[in-house]
C-alpha atoms as a PDB file:
ATOM      1  CA  MET A   1      21.408  24.908  19.906  1.00  0.00           C
ATOM      2  CA  THR A   2      21.153  23.682  16.440  1.00  0.00           C
ATOM      3  CA  SER A   3      23.144  20.716  17.099  1.00  0.00           C
ATOM      4  CA  PHE A   4      21.379  19.933  20.069  1.00  0.00           C
ATOM      5  CA  ILE A   5      17.791  19.858  18.156  1.00  0.00           C
ATOM      6  CA  LEU A   6      19.108  17.860  15.188  1.00  0.00           C
ATOM      7  CA  ALA A   7      20.402  15.442  17.937  1.00  0.00           C
ATOM      8  CA  LEU A   8      17.290  15.408  19.664  1.00  0.00           C
ATOM      9  CA  MET A   9      15.126  14.888  16.272  1.00  0.00           C
ATOM     10  CA  LEU A  10      17.398  12.005  15.403  1.00  0.00           C
ATOM     11  CA  THR A  11      17.157  10.333  18.847  1.00  0.00           C
ATOM     12  CA  ALA A  12      13.330  10.448  18.496  1.00  0.00           C
ATOM     13  CA  MET A  13      13.304   8.983  15.298  1.00  0.00           C
ATOM     14  CA  MET A  14      15.522   6.190  16.345  1.00  0.00           C
ATOM     15  CA  LEU A  15      13.350   5.412  19.371  1.00  0.00           C
ATOM     16  CA  GLY A  16      10.176   5.193  16.909  1.00  0.00           C
ATOM     17  CA  VAL A  17       8.631   8.414  17.280  1.00  0.00           C
ATOM     18  CA  PRO A  18       6.916   9.290  13.876  1.00  0.00           C
ATOM     19  CA  ILE A  19       8.695  11.579  11.758  1.00  0.00           C
ATOM     20  CA  LEU A  20       6.049  14.228  11.832  1.00  0.00           C
ATOM     21  CA  LEU A  21       5.861  14.263  15.795  1.00  0.00           C
ATOM     22  CA  SER A  22       9.731  14.380  15.726  1.00  0.00           C
ATOM     23  CA  ILE A  23       9.649  17.599  13.845  1.00  0.00           C
ATOM     24  CA  ALA A  24       6.890  18.894  16.178  1.00  0.00           C
ATOM     25  CA  LEU A  25       8.751  18.117  19.033  1.00  0.00           C
ATOM     26  CA  VAL A  26      11.954  19.714  18.052  1.00  0.00           C
ATOM     27  CA  SER A  27      10.202  22.679  17.012  1.00  0.00           C
ATOM     28  CA  PHE A  28       8.432  23.133  20.377  1.00  0.00           C
ATOM     29  CA  VAL A  29      11.644  22.689  22.310  1.00  0.00           C
ATOM     30  CA  GLY A  30      13.543  25.228  19.928  1.00  0.00           C
ATOM     31  CA  ILE A  31      10.758  27.800  20.589  1.00  0.00           C
ATOM     32  CA  ALA A  32      10.666  27.168  24.098  1.00  0.00           C
ATOM     33  CA  GLY A  33      14.544  27.514  24.301  1.00  0.00           C
ATOM     34  CA  THR A  34      14.648  30.819  22.584  1.00  0.00           C
ATOM     35  CA  PRO A  35      14.290  33.635  24.997  1.00  0.00           C
ATOM     36  CA  ASP A  36      12.574  36.188  22.600  1.00  0.00           C
ATOM     37  CA  LEU A  37       9.810  33.956  21.491  1.00  0.00           C
ATOM     38  CA  VAL A  38       6.643  32.906  23.551  1.00  0.00           C
ATOM     39  CA  LEU A  39       5.083  29.541  23.715  1.00  0.00           C
ATOM     40  CA  PRO A  40       1.700  30.510  22.083  1.00  0.00           C
ATOM     41  CA  PHE A  41       3.685  31.404  18.943  1.00  0.00           C
ATOM     42  CA  PHE A  42       4.191  27.542  18.305  1.00  0.00           C
ATOM     43  CA  ALA A  43       0.633  27.102  18.096  1.00  0.00           C
ATOM     44  CA  GLN A  44       0.034  30.347  15.813  1.00  0.00           C
ATOM     45  CA  LYS A  45       2.782  29.301  13.441  1.00  0.00           C
ATOM     46  CA  MET A  46       1.520  25.872  13.338  1.00  0.00           C
ATOM     47  CA  PHE A  47      -2.020  26.492  12.303  1.00  0.00           C
ATOM     48  CA  SER A  48      -0.756  29.579   9.989  1.00  0.00           C
ATOM     49  CA  GLN A  49       1.294  27.047   7.979  1.00  0.00           C
ATOM     50  CA  VAL A  50      -1.553  25.017   7.169  1.00  0.00           C
ATOM     51  CA  ASP A  51      -4.005  27.796   6.539  1.00  0.00           C
ATOM     52  CA  THR A  52      -2.976  27.985   2.803  1.00  0.00           C
ATOM     53  CA  TYR A  53      -5.583  28.357   0.033  1.00  0.00           C
ATOM     54  CA  SER A  54      -3.169  26.518  -2.321  1.00  0.00           C
ATOM     55  CA  LEU A  55      -3.246  23.201  -0.055  1.00  0.00           C
ATOM     56  CA  LEU A  56      -6.941  22.722  -1.036  1.00  0.00           C
ATOM     57  CA  ALA A  57      -5.378  21.256  -4.353  1.00  0.00           C
ATOM     58  CA  MET A  58      -4.263  18.174  -2.728  1.00  0.00           C
ATOM     59  CA  PRO A  59      -7.560  16.587  -1.720  1.00  0.00           C
ATOM     60  CA  TYR A  60      -9.144  17.452  -5.065  1.00  0.00           C
ATOM     61  CA  PHE A  61      -6.393  15.830  -6.728  1.00  0.00           C
ATOM     62  CA  ILE A  62      -6.507  12.789  -4.843  1.00  0.00           C
ATOM     63  CA  LEU A  63     -10.202  12.823  -5.348  1.00  0.00           C
ATOM     64  CA  ALA A  64      -9.984  12.990  -9.130  1.00  0.00           C
ATOM     65  CA  GLY A  65      -7.299  10.238  -9.229  1.00  0.00           C
ATOM     66  CA  SER A  66      -9.591   8.021  -7.399  1.00  0.00           C
ATOM     67  CA  ILE A  67     -12.641   8.585  -9.366  1.00  0.00           C
ATOM     68  CA  MET A  68     -10.558   8.119 -12.390  1.00  0.00           C
ATOM     69  CA  THR A  69      -9.116   4.872 -11.313  1.00  0.00           C
ATOM     70  CA  ALA A  70     -12.732   3.652 -10.144  1.00  0.00           C
ATOM     71  CA  ALA A  71     -13.871   4.532 -13.669  1.00  0.00           C
ATOM     72  CA  GLY A  72     -11.409   2.088 -15.394  1.00  0.00           C
ATOM     73  CA  ILE A  73      -9.117   5.101 -16.874  1.00  0.00           C
ATOM     74  CA  SER A  74      -5.940   3.245 -15.461  1.00  0.00           C
ATOM     75  CA  LYS A  75      -6.469   0.162 -17.383  1.00  0.00           C
ATOM     76  CA  GLN A  76      -7.381   2.101 -20.633  1.00  0.00           C
ATOM     77  CA  LEU A  77      -4.126   3.938 -20.125  1.00  0.00           C
ATOM     78  CA  VAL A  78      -2.322   0.640 -19.655  1.00  0.00           C
ATOM     79  CA  ASP A  79      -3.804  -0.750 -22.995  1.00  0.00           C
ATOM     80  CA  PHE A  80      -2.854   2.367 -24.780  1.00  0.00           C
ATOM     81  CA  SER A  81       0.789   1.984 -23.552  1.00  0.00           C
ATOM     82  CA  ARG A  82       0.759  -1.604 -24.740  1.00  0.00           C
ATOM     83  CA  ALA A  83      -0.516  -0.886 -28.097  1.00  0.00           C
ATOM     84  CA  LEU A  84       2.274   2.118 -28.153  1.00  0.00           C
ATOM     85  CA  VAL A  85       5.407   0.308 -26.948  1.00  0.00           C
ATOM     86  CA  GLY A  86       4.381  -3.313 -26.465  1.00  0.00           C
ATOM     87  CA  TYR A  87       5.750  -4.614 -29.387  1.00  0.00           C
ATOM     88  CA  LEU A  88       9.506  -3.595 -28.331  1.00  0.00           C
ATOM     89  CA  ARG A  89      11.471  -6.310 -26.094  1.00  0.00           C
ATOM     90  CA  ALA A  90      10.192  -6.459 -22.622  1.00  0.00           C
ATOM     91  CA  GLY A  91       7.224  -4.562 -23.868  1.00  0.00           C
ATOM     92  CA  LEU A  92       5.284  -5.151 -20.831  1.00  0.00           C
ATOM     93  CA  ALA A  93       7.906  -3.279 -18.813  1.00  0.00           C
ATOM     94  CA  HIS A  94       7.947  -0.444 -21.350  1.00  0.00           C
ATOM     95  CA  ALA A  95       4.330  -0.169 -21.008  1.00  0.00           C
ATOM     96  CA  SER A  96       4.276   0.124 -17.362  1.00  0.00           C
ATOM     97  CA  ILE A  97       6.498   2.868 -17.604  1.00  0.00           C
ATOM     98  CA  VAL A  98       4.547   4.487 -20.288  1.00  0.00           C
ATOM     99  CA  ALA A  99       1.531   4.181 -18.393  1.00  0.00           C
ATOM    100  CA  SER A 100       3.069   5.526 -15.247  1.00  0.00           C
ATOM    101  CA  MET A 101       4.258   8.701 -17.090  1.00  0.00           C
ATOM    102  CA  VAL A 102       0.452   9.566 -18.506  1.00  0.00           C
ATOM    103  CA  LEU A 103      -1.171   8.503 -15.132  1.00  0.00           C
ATOM    104  CA  SER A 104       1.452  10.889 -13.202  1.00  0.00           C
ATOM    105  CA  GLY A 105      -0.296  13.672 -15.083  1.00  0.00           C
ATOM    106  CA  VAL A 106      -4.071  12.721 -13.429  1.00  0.00           C
ATOM    107  CA  SER A 107      -3.093  11.499 -10.007  1.00  0.00           C
ATOM    108  CA  GLY A 108      -0.435  13.765  -8.679  1.00  0.00           C
ATOM    109  CA  SER A 109       0.908  10.988  -6.321  1.00  0.00           C
ATOM    110  CA  SER A 110       3.692   8.503  -6.606  1.00  0.00           C
ATOM    111  CA  THR A 111       1.803   6.128  -4.180  1.00  0.00           C
ATOM    112  CA  ALA A 112      -1.591   6.174  -6.416  1.00  0.00           C
ATOM    113  CA  ASP A 113       0.448   6.005  -9.621  1.00  0.00           C
ATOM    114  CA  ALA A 114       2.354   2.799  -8.487  1.00  0.00           C
ATOM    115  CA  SER A 115      -0.881   1.070  -6.726  1.00  0.00           C
ATOM    116  CA  ALA A 116      -3.179   1.687  -9.888  1.00  0.00           C
ATOM    117  CA  ILE A 117      -0.548   0.778 -12.320  1.00  0.00           C
ATOM    118  CA  GLY A 118       0.858  -2.105 -10.525  1.00  0.00           C
ATOM    119  CA  SER A 119      -2.708  -3.563  -9.848  1.00  0.00           C
ATOM    120  CA  ILE A 120      -3.409  -3.726 -13.376  1.00  0.00           C
ATOM    121  CA  ILE A 121       0.087  -5.005 -14.920  1.00  0.00           C
ATOM    122  CA  LEU A 122       1.901  -6.831 -12.558  1.00  0.00           C
ATOM    123  CA  PRO A 123      -0.477 -10.085 -12.583  1.00  0.00           C
ATOM    124  CA  THR A 124       0.282  -9.988 -16.494  1.00  0.00           C
ATOM    125  CA  MET A 125       4.002  -9.566 -15.951  1.00  0.00           C
ATOM    126  CA  LYS A 126       4.209 -12.428 -13.810  1.00  0.00           C
ATOM    127  CA  GLN A 127       2.117 -14.456 -16.373  1.00  0.00           C
ATOM    128  CA  ALA A 128       4.601 -13.510 -19.077  1.00  0.00           C
ATOM    129  CA  GLY A 129       7.516 -14.845 -17.028  1.00  0.00           C
ATOM    130  CA  TYR A 130       8.898 -11.713 -15.588  1.00  0.00           C
ATOM    131  CA  LYS A 131      10.530 -12.033 -11.987  1.00  0.00           C
ATOM    132  CA  PRO A 132       8.335 -10.759  -9.288  1.00  0.00           C
ATOM    133  CA  GLY A 133      11.256  -8.669  -7.864  1.00  0.00           C
ATOM    134  CA  PHE A 134      12.138  -7.195 -11.257  1.00  0.00           C
ATOM    135  CA  ALA A 135       8.563  -6.329 -11.888  1.00  0.00           C
ATOM    136  CA  ALA A 136       7.898  -5.029  -8.364  1.00  0.00           C
ATOM    137  CA  ALA A 137      11.012  -2.638  -8.584  1.00  0.00           C
ATOM    138  CA  LEU A 138      10.257  -1.485 -12.015  1.00  0.00           C
ATOM    139  CA  VAL A 139       6.550  -0.473 -11.059  1.00  0.00           C
ATOM    140  CA  GLY A 140       7.715   1.309  -7.743  1.00  0.00           C
ATOM    141  CA  THR A 141      10.590   3.170  -9.331  1.00  0.00           C
ATOM    142  CA  ALA A 142       8.249   4.426 -12.170  1.00  0.00           C
ATOM    143  CA  GLY A 143       5.856   5.498  -9.875  1.00  0.00           C
ATOM    144  CA  THR A 144       8.017   8.134  -8.310  1.00  0.00           C
ATOM    145  CA  MET A 145       7.266  10.134 -11.508  1.00  0.00           C
ATOM    146  CA  GLY A 146       4.165  11.147  -9.775  1.00  0.00           C
ATOM    147  CA  ALA A 147       6.115  13.311  -7.740  1.00  0.00           C
ATOM    148  CA  ILE A 148       7.599  15.031 -10.665  1.00  0.00           C
ATOM    149  CA  ILE A 149       5.335  15.123 -13.661  1.00  0.00           C
ATOM    150  CA  PRO A 150       2.560  17.779 -12.851  1.00  0.00           C
ATOM    151  CA  PRO A 151       0.291  18.042 -11.260  1.00  0.00           C
ATOM    152  CA  SER A 152       2.526  17.005  -8.320  1.00  0.00           C
ATOM    153  CA  MET A 153       1.174  16.857  -4.719  1.00  0.00           C
ATOM    154  CA  VAL A 154       4.970  17.575  -3.306  1.00  0.00           C
ATOM    155  CA  MET A 155       4.867  20.537  -5.677  1.00  0.00           C
ATOM    156  CA  VAL A 156       1.639  21.843  -4.100  1.00  0.00           C
ATOM    157  CA  ILE A 157       2.845  21.252  -0.745  1.00  0.00           C
ATOM    158  CA  TYR A 158       6.481  23.029  -1.331  1.00  0.00           C
ATOM    159  CA  GLY A 159       4.692  25.836  -3.524  1.00  0.00           C
ATOM    160  CA  ALA A 160       2.608  26.598  -0.367  1.00  0.00           C
ATOM    161  CA  ILE A 161       5.058  26.696   2.383  1.00  0.00           C
ATOM    162  CA  ALA A 162       7.652  28.343   0.404  1.00  0.00           C
ATOM    163  CA  GLN A 163       5.579  30.812  -1.418  1.00  0.00           C
ATOM    164  CA  VAL A 164       6.561  29.686  -4.981  1.00  0.00           C
ATOM    165  CA  SER A 165       4.561  29.772  -7.856  1.00  0.00           C
ATOM    166  CA  ILE A 166       2.813  26.296  -8.102  1.00  0.00           C
ATOM    167  CA  GLY A 167       2.486  26.827 -11.930  1.00  0.00           C
ATOM    168  CA  GLY A 168       5.994  27.527 -12.350  1.00  0.00           C
ATOM    169  CA  LEU A 169       7.070  24.290 -10.335  1.00  0.00           C
ATOM    170  CA  PHE A 170       4.350  22.424 -12.564  1.00  0.00           C
ATOM    171  CA  LEU A 171       5.985  23.785 -15.708  1.00  0.00           C
ATOM    172  CA  GLY A 172       9.533  22.795 -14.489  1.00  0.00           C
ATOM    173  CA  GLY A 173       8.699  19.369 -13.478  1.00  0.00           C
ATOM    174  CA  ILE A 174       7.546  18.234 -17.149  1.00  0.00           C
ATOM    175  CA  ILE A 175      10.790  17.753 -19.091  1.00  0.00           C
ATOM    176  CA  PRO A 176      12.636  16.261 -16.052  1.00  0.00           C
ATOM    177  CA  GLY A 177       9.545  13.813 -15.563  1.00  0.00           C
ATOM    178  CA  ILE A 178       9.709  12.906 -19.289  1.00  0.00           C
ATOM    179  CA  LEU A 179      13.561  12.454 -19.102  1.00  0.00           C
ATOM    180  CA  ILE A 180      13.255   9.924 -16.095  1.00  0.00           C
ATOM    181  CA  GLY A 181      10.794   7.941 -18.052  1.00  0.00           C
ATOM    182  CA  LEU A 182      13.133   7.645 -21.266  1.00  0.00           C
ATOM    183  CA  PHE A 183      16.092   6.675 -19.165  1.00  0.00           C
ATOM    184  CA  LEU A 184      13.853   4.153 -17.193  1.00  0.00           C
ATOM    185  CA  MET A 185      13.200   2.635 -20.667  1.00  0.00           C
ATOM    186  CA  ALA A 186      16.608   2.675 -21.731  1.00  0.00           C
ATOM    187  CA  THR A 187      17.629   0.872 -18.475  1.00  0.00           C
ATOM    188  CA  VAL A 188      15.170  -2.013 -19.374  1.00  0.00           C
ATOM    189  CA  LYS A 189      16.446  -2.050 -22.528  1.00  0.00           C
ATOM    190  CA  LEU A 190      20.080  -2.683 -21.096  1.00  0.00           C
ATOM    191  CA  PHE A 191      18.340  -5.402 -18.978  1.00  0.00           C
ATOM    192  CA  THR A 192      17.244  -7.246 -22.218  1.00  0.00           C
ATOM    193  CA  TYR A 193      21.036  -8.203 -22.852  1.00  0.00           C
ATOM    194  CA  HIS A 194      21.326  -9.403 -19.233  1.00  0.00           C
ATOM    195  CA  PRO A 195      21.827 -13.058 -19.502  1.00  0.00           C
ATOM    196  CA  ALA A 196      19.855 -13.500 -16.042  1.00  0.00           C
ATOM    197  CA  PHE A 197      16.724 -11.960 -17.553  1.00  0.00           C
ATOM    198  CA  PRO A 198      15.916 -14.126 -20.690  1.00  0.00           C
ATOM    199  CA  GLU A 199      12.052 -13.314 -20.385  1.00  0.00           C
ATOM    200  CA  LEU A 200      13.002  -9.595 -21.496  1.00  0.00           C
ATOM    201  CA  ARG A 201      14.252 -10.422 -24.830  1.00  0.00           C
ATOM    202  CA  GLU A 202      10.900 -12.031 -25.870  1.00  0.00           C
ATOM    203  CA  VAL A 203       8.945  -9.907 -28.699  1.00  0.00           C
ATOM    204  CA  THR A 204       5.213 -10.436 -27.998  1.00  0.00           C
ATOM    205  CA  GLY A 205       4.012  -8.999 -31.180  1.00  0.00           C
ATOM    206  CA  ARG A 206       4.585  -6.088 -33.743  1.00  0.00           C
ATOM    207  CA  PHE A 207       3.455  -2.502 -34.115  1.00  0.00           C
ATOM    208  CA  GLU A 208      -0.063  -2.027 -35.449  1.00  0.00           C
ATOM    209  CA  LEU A 209      -1.329   1.395 -36.389  1.00  0.00           C
ATOM    210  CA  CYS A 210      -4.871   0.367 -36.351  1.00  0.00           C
ATOM    211  CA  ALA A 211      -4.452  -1.064 -32.844  1.00  0.00           C
ATOM    212  CA  LEU A 212      -2.907   2.210 -31.611  1.00  0.00           C
ATOM    213  CA  TRP A 213      -5.790   3.916 -33.113  1.00  0.00           C
ATOM    214  CA  HIS A 214      -8.122   1.834 -31.235  1.00  0.00           C
ATOM    215  CA  ALA A 215      -6.285   2.265 -28.055  1.00  0.00           C
ATOM    216  CA  VAL A 216      -6.304   6.110 -28.392  1.00  0.00           C
ATOM    217  CA  ARG A 217      -9.994   6.080 -29.187  1.00  0.00           C
ATOM    218  CA  THR A 218     -10.369   4.088 -26.132  1.00  0.00           C
ATOM    219  CA  ALA A 219      -8.247   6.103 -23.834  1.00  0.00           C
ATOM    220  CA  TRP A 220      -8.819   9.392 -25.180  1.00  0.00           C
ATOM    221  CA  THR A 221     -10.339  10.515 -22.020  1.00  0.00           C
ATOM    222  CA  GLY A 222      -7.457   9.653 -19.565  1.00  0.00           C
ATOM    223  CA  LEU A 223      -5.099  11.146 -22.257  1.00  0.00           C
ATOM    224  CA  LEU A 224      -6.813  14.432 -22.508  1.00  0.00           C
ATOM    225  CA  ALA A 225      -6.916  14.916 -18.442  1.00  0.00           C
ATOM    226  CA  PRO A 226      -3.267  16.093 -18.077  1.00  0.00           C
ATOM    227  CA  LEU A 227      -3.554  18.503 -20.982  1.00  0.00           C
ATOM    228  CA  ILE A 228      -6.849  20.085 -19.316  1.00  0.00           C
ATOM    229  CA  ILE A 229      -5.191  20.279 -15.773  1.00  0.00           C
ATOM    230  CA  VAL A 230      -1.594  21.362 -16.776  1.00  0.00           C
ATOM    231  CA  GLY A 231      -2.555  23.507 -19.725  1.00  0.00           C
ATOM    232  CA  GLY A 232      -5.286  25.541 -17.779  1.00  0.00           C
ATOM    233  CA  ILE A 233      -2.546  26.208 -15.071  1.00  0.00           C
ATOM    234  CA  LEU A 234       0.139  27.242 -17.482  1.00  0.00           C
ATOM    235  CA  SER A 235      -2.353  29.331 -19.396  1.00  0.00           C
ATOM    236  CA  GLY A 236      -3.708  31.213 -16.581  1.00  0.00           C
ATOM    237  CA  VAL A 237      -7.264  29.994 -16.952  1.00  0.00           C
ATOM    238  CA  PHE A 238      -7.341  28.836 -13.545  1.00  0.00           C
ATOM    239  CA  THR A 239      -5.141  28.535 -10.463  1.00  0.00           C
ATOM    240  CA  ALA A 240      -3.745  25.001  -9.208  1.00  0.00           C
ATOM    241  CA  THR A 241      -6.757  24.764  -6.412  1.00  0.00           C
ATOM    242  CA  GLU A 242      -9.288  25.590  -8.953  1.00  0.00           C
ATOM    243  CA  ALA A 243      -7.506  23.069 -11.434  1.00  0.00           C
ATOM    244  CA  GLY A 244      -8.345  20.407  -8.572  1.00  0.00           C
ATOM    245  CA  VAL A 245     -11.773  21.351  -8.795  1.00  0.00           C
ATOM    246  CA  VAL A 246     -11.826  20.808 -12.626  1.00  0.00           C
ATOM    247  CA  ALA A 247     -10.036  17.688 -12.406  1.00  0.00           C
ATOM    248  CA  CYS A 248     -12.928  16.350 -10.204  1.00  0.00           C
ATOM    249  CA  ALA A 249     -15.758  17.497 -12.400  1.00  0.00           C
ATOM    250  CA  TYR A 250     -13.909  16.256 -15.456  1.00  0.00           C
ATOM    251  CA  ALA A 251     -13.339  12.910 -13.792  1.00  0.00           C
ATOM    252  CA  LEU A 252     -17.135  12.657 -12.637  1.00  0.00           C
ATOM    253  CA  ILE A 253     -18.206  13.421 -16.061  1.00  0.00           C
ATOM    254  CA  VAL A 254     -15.791  10.837 -17.744  1.00  0.00           C
ATOM    255  CA  GLY A 255     -16.772   8.348 -15.209  1.00  0.00           C
ATOM    256  CA  PHE A 256     -20.346   8.511 -15.456  1.00  0.00           C
ATOM    257  CA  PHE A 257     -20.897   9.054 -19.367  1.00  0.00           C
ATOM    258  CA  VAL A 258     -17.777   7.911 -21.288  1.00  0.00           C
ATOM    259  CA  SER A 259     -15.731   5.439 -19.406  1.00  0.00           C
ATOM    260  CA  LYS A 260     -18.401   3.054 -18.049  1.00  0.00           C
ATOM    261  CA  LYS A 261     -20.036   3.030 -21.384  1.00  0.00           C
ATOM    262  CA  GLY A 262     -16.551   2.370 -23.255  1.00  0.00           C
ATOM    263  CA  SER A 263     -15.058  -0.309 -20.708  1.00  0.00           C
ATOM    264  CA  SER A 264     -18.512  -2.492 -20.363  1.00  0.00           C
ATOM    265  CA  GLY A 265     -18.086  -6.119 -20.888  1.00  0.00           C
ATOM    266  CA  SER A 266     -14.315  -6.225 -19.475  1.00  0.00           C
ATOM    267  CA  ARG A 267     -13.145  -6.521 -15.959  1.00  0.00           C
ATOM    268  CA  VAL A 268     -10.466  -4.149 -14.466  1.00  0.00           C
ATOM    269  CA  GLY A 269      -7.070  -6.235 -14.735  1.00  0.00           C
ATOM    270  CA  ASP A 270      -7.898  -8.010 -18.231  1.00  0.00           C
ATOM    271  CA  LEU A 271      -5.584  -6.492 -20.549  1.00  0.00           C
ATOM    272  CA  VAL A 272      -6.583  -6.154 -24.230  1.00  0.00           C
ATOM    273  CA  ASP A 273      -4.692  -8.339 -26.637  1.00  0.00           C
ATOM    274  CA  PHE A 274      -4.068  -5.541 -29.528  1.00  0.00           C
ATOM    275  CA  ARG A 275      -2.638  -8.477 -31.542  1.00  0.00           C
ATOM    276  CA  ALA A 276      -6.361  -9.621 -32.282  1.00  0.00           C
ATOM    277  CA  PRO A 277      -7.457  -8.549 -35.821  1.00  0.00           C
ATOM    278  CA  ALA A 278     -10.615  -7.686 -34.275  1.00  0.00           C
ATOM    279  CA  ALA A 279      -9.058  -4.669 -32.443  1.00  0.00           C
ATOM    280  CA  CYS A 280      -8.089  -3.401 -35.771  1.00  0.00           C
ATOM    281  CA  MET A 281     -11.519  -3.303 -37.304  1.00  0.00           C
END
């Protein structure tokens, strides 16, 4: 029976049936082919799996990430990342990785992370001479940290279905997510020695403490968001679902009263040049 169901699911997927419908089809066939189960059990089980309080966290985190992106926080995080690691070889590549790590703690989605960072930093990487394929692959790979660094939508779904502590999953994803980011930066460092990527060997500036301080003052709202969300869950102040509501409220406050005031006069996509003396004043 198990082999037949697996073969049926693979056949449906190869015929072009969406994965979700393929899984639903084989589940229905499996329940219908089991004499001890009745067909109404299929509908009951289907609705009971999604009738979970923890799953309410997903739309809240998605909404919070969208609000923060619209408020220009993604651009501020990219500017902060450039000030932090932009002086290294392949500084833009390192900055995209660091920005993805920080934004992952806000959006909780790999797709949202990659699209937000990519729309800002990819045009600049192309202007700097980076190969489009390398830049797109780097941003896409760095975006996968959104599924590991908390708050993660994948962890919320898994915790709700498997009845596992979502806070424990978030705690377990912090160190692996940071390690993935560090190893990605180490990989970029190795590419700087590859003869096919001469553009990665260019150094665009030097470390400026005053420029970093200026970037922190500009992007402190985005840097504080992951600490509030993850810290509140791990400390037991609120649950994962309540953390999504808190994230939305924080995003609205930041978007209306902080970020718009601090980011006026610059368009999204125009990265700050922290080598300019005015940034250190």
